[in-house]
Amino acid sequence: MVLGISIRMVMEYISKKKGVEGLKKFFDYVNEKSVLFTKESDIDAKAKYPGYYLSRSLMAAYRVLGDDMMEDFGRYFGERMNISFRGLLGRLPPRTCMQLIVFNMRKYLPIFHTGYRTISKRVYWLVVSRLPKELMGFINGIMSYLFEKHGGVRDIQKSVGEDRIEYTVRL
């Protein structure tokens, strides 16, 4: 199940960048197969919806925005995820930071599989899979924003697969 806030963030960005005409195109693309929703107020931010609502919304956003704006869209989405890497005594430990990233990706974007593994005390392997090629820029935008917000990332190695993006992050 997908939180309605995730779908609302998609609609907000499209209305912000493309205006009313872009939002009309977005609704047309979302409702091609069957009618899901026809206006922004149909989606309650606190309600839970089936995963295909978000999937169709993201694919419609790709069709409206184009490939060049998807990374910026991902950064916008990452800003709205409200992740804080600060604790009472400063920055959280590396493992906790990775857990926060994975938890929030699973909360806001449950249609993608997100996981991590510990390589060493400060090096982690993070993967986002079950990812259509059209949305790779979107996920890359989210992750680049989160790594910048963390501030303690020393090195990132990215590997793009057929349906996945793998990051090796040194904190």
Protein backbone atom coordinates (compact mmCIF):
# COMPACT_ATOMS: atom_id res chain seq x y z
CA MET A 1 0.00 0.00 0.00
CA VAL A 2 1.17 3.50 -0.91
CA LEU A 3 0.67 6.62 1.15
CA GLY A 4 -1.44 9.26 -0.55
CA ILE A 5 1.21 11.88 0.21
CA SER A 6 3.54 10.22 -2.32
CA ILE A 7 0.95 10.59 -5.08
CA ARG A 8 0.21 14.15 -3.98
CA MET A 9 3.90 15.07 -4.22
CA VAL A 10 3.91 13.88 -7.84
CA MET A 11 0.87 16.02 -8.65
CA GLU A 12 2.31 19.06 -6.83
CA TYR A 13 5.55 18.95 -8.78
CA ILE A 14 3.78 18.62 -12.13
CA SER A 15 1.42 21.50 -11.36
CA LYS A 16 4.39 23.59 -10.21
CA LYS A 17 6.51 22.93 -13.33
CA LYS A 18 3.95 22.39 -16.10
CA GLY A 19 0.89 24.24 -14.83
CA VAL A 20 -2.73 23.37 -15.51
CA GLU A 21 -2.10 21.97 -18.99
CA GLY A 22 0.58 19.62 -17.68
CA LEU A 23 -1.74 18.46 -14.92
CA LYS A 24 -4.49 17.73 -17.46
CA LYS A 25 -2.04 15.65 -19.52
CA PHE A 26 -0.96 13.88 -16.33
CA PHE A 27 -4.55 12.88 -15.48
CA ASP A 28 -5.11 11.73 -19.08
CA TYR A 29 -2.03 9.47 -18.93
CA VAL A 30 -2.91 8.10 -15.48
CA ASN A 31 -6.45 7.26 -16.55
CA GLU A 32 -5.64 5.66 -19.94
CA LYS A 33 -6.33 2.07 -18.85
CA SER A 34 -9.02 2.83 -16.28
CA VAL A 35 -10.04 5.84 -14.23
CA LEU A 36 -8.11 6.11 -10.96
CA PHE A 37 -8.57 9.76 -10.04
CA THR A 38 -9.57 12.89 -11.91
CA LYS A 39 -8.43 15.73 -9.67
CA GLU A 40 -5.98 16.39 -6.86
CA SER A 41 -8.63 16.36 -4.15
CA ASP A 42 -9.49 12.72 -4.99
CA ILE A 43 -6.26 11.64 -3.25
CA ASP A 44 -6.22 11.93 0.53
CA ALA A 45 -2.67 12.51 1.81
CA LYS A 46 -3.13 10.26 4.85
CA ALA A 47 -4.95 7.40 3.13
CA LYS A 48 -3.33 4.28 1.68
CA TYR A 49 -3.76 3.28 -1.97
CA PRO A 50 -2.75 0.26 -4.04
CA GLY A 51 0.80 0.35 -5.44
CA TYR A 52 -0.31 0.66 -9.04
CA TYR A 53 -1.70 4.15 -8.28
CA LEU A 54 1.84 5.37 -7.59
CA SER A 55 3.30 3.34 -10.43
CA ARG A 56 0.90 4.84 -12.96
CA SER A 57 1.45 8.31 -11.47
CA LEU A 58 5.22 8.08 -11.82
CA MET A 59 5.03 6.78 -15.39
CA ALA A 60 2.56 9.54 -16.30
CA ALA A 61 4.90 12.07 -14.69
CA TYR A 62 7.71 10.74 -16.89
CA ARG A 63 5.58 11.18 -19.99
CA VAL A 64 4.61 14.75 -19.01
CA LEU A 65 8.01 15.93 -17.73
CA GLY A 66 10.36 14.10 -20.06
CA ASP A 67 13.69 12.48 -19.28
CA ASP A 68 15.57 15.72 -18.62
CA MET A 69 13.38 16.83 -15.68
CA MET A 70 13.18 13.49 -13.85
CA GLU A 71 16.33 14.01 -11.80
CA ASP A 72 15.11 17.43 -10.63
CA PHE A 73 11.77 15.79 -9.80
CA GLY A 74 13.64 13.21 -7.70
CA ARG A 75 15.44 15.97 -5.79
CA TYR A 76 12.08 17.66 -5.14
CA PHE A 77 10.62 14.34 -3.91
CA GLY A 78 13.67 13.77 -1.67
CA GLU A 79 13.28 17.22 -0.11
CA ARG A 80 9.67 16.42 0.82
CA MET A 81 10.54 13.07 2.46
CA ASN A 82 11.55 14.86 5.70
CA ILE A 83 14.59 12.78 6.64
CA SER A 84 16.87 14.17 9.33
CA PHE A 85 20.35 12.78 9.89
CA ARG A 86 20.87 14.76 13.10
CA GLY A 87 20.60 13.30 16.57
CA LEU A 88 20.95 14.84 20.01
CA LEU A 89 24.74 14.86 19.86
CA GLY A 90 25.28 15.62 16.18
CA ARG A 91 25.13 13.42 13.11
CA LEU A 92 23.70 9.93 13.53
CA PRO A 93 25.98 6.86 13.17
CA PRO A 94 26.46 5.54 9.60
CA ARG A 95 24.39 2.40 10.10
CA THR A 96 21.45 4.38 11.48
CA CYS A 97 21.66 6.78 8.53
CA MET A 98 21.45 3.91 6.05
CA GLN A 99 18.53 2.44 7.96
CA LEU A 100 16.75 5.81 7.81
CA ILE A 101 17.25 6.04 4.04
CA VAL A 102 15.94 2.51 3.47
CA PHE A 103 13.02 2.96 5.87
CA ASN A 104 11.87 6.19 4.22
CA MET A 105 12.29 4.82 0.69
CA ARG A 106 10.11 1.87 1.69
CA LYS A 107 7.60 4.22 3.30
CA TYR A 108 7.24 6.71 0.43
CA LEU A 109 8.08 4.46 -2.56
CA PRO A 110 7.09 0.89 -1.60
CA ILE A 111 6.73 -0.19 -5.25
CA PHE A 112 10.53 -0.34 -5.50
CA HIS A 113 12.65 -2.79 -3.53
CA THR A 114 15.19 -0.94 -1.39
CA GLY A 115 17.77 -2.61 0.81
CA TYR A 116 21.29 -2.29 2.15
CA ARG A 117 24.16 -4.46 3.31
CA THR A 118 27.09 -3.63 5.53
CA ILE A 119 30.48 -4.00 3.87
CA SER A 120 32.48 -2.49 6.73
CA LYS A 121 31.87 -0.13 9.63
CA ARG A 122 31.67 2.90 7.31
CA VAL A 123 30.98 1.36 3.88
CA TYR A 124 27.51 0.23 2.83
CA TRP A 125 25.97 -1.26 -0.29
CA LEU A 126 22.55 0.23 -1.09
CA VAL A 127 20.32 -1.12 -3.86
CA VAL A 128 17.06 0.10 -5.39
CA SER A 129 15.58 -2.54 -7.69
CA ARG A 130 12.39 -3.41 -9.58
CA LEU A 131 12.95 -0.10 -11.30
CA PRO A 132 11.77 0.79 -14.83
CA LYS A 133 14.44 2.45 -16.99
CA GLU A 134 12.31 5.59 -17.25
CA LEU A 135 12.48 6.19 -13.49
CA MET A 136 16.22 5.73 -12.96
CA GLY A 137 16.81 9.49 -13.12
CA PHE A 138 14.08 10.00 -10.53
CA ILE A 139 15.68 7.58 -8.05
CA ASN A 140 19.13 9.00 -8.76
CA GLY A 141 17.80 12.48 -7.93
CA ILE A 142 16.36 11.28 -4.63
CA MET A 143 19.55 9.50 -3.61
CA SER A 144 21.86 12.34 -4.62
CA TYR A 145 19.77 14.76 -2.55
CA LEU A 146 19.81 12.43 0.49
CA PHE A 147 23.57 11.92 0.25
CA GLU A 148 24.11 15.70 -0.01
CA LYS A 149 21.82 16.32 2.95
CA HIS A 150 23.75 13.79 5.03
CA GLY A 151 26.94 15.75 4.49
CA GLY A 152 29.27 13.04 5.72
CA VAL A 153 29.44 10.98 2.53
CA ARG A 154 33.07 10.62 1.43
CA ASP A 155 32.67 8.52 -1.70
CA ILE A 156 29.82 7.12 -3.80
CA GLN A 157 30.16 4.52 -6.52
CA LYS A 158 27.07 3.97 -8.62
CA SER A 159 26.37 0.93 -10.77
CA VAL A 160 23.34 0.89 -13.06
CA GLY A 161 21.86 -2.50 -13.98
CA GLU A 162 18.93 -3.55 -16.11
CA ASP A 163 16.29 -2.87 -13.45
CA ARG A 164 18.36 -1.61 -10.53
CA ILE A 165 20.74 1.03 -9.27
CA GLU A 166 23.42 -0.04 -6.78
CA TYR A 167 25.32 2.44 -4.65
CA THR A 168 28.45 1.74 -2.65
CA VAL A 169 28.54 4.51 -0.07
CA ARG A 170 31.52 5.38 2.13
CA LEU A 171 30.49 7.47 5.14
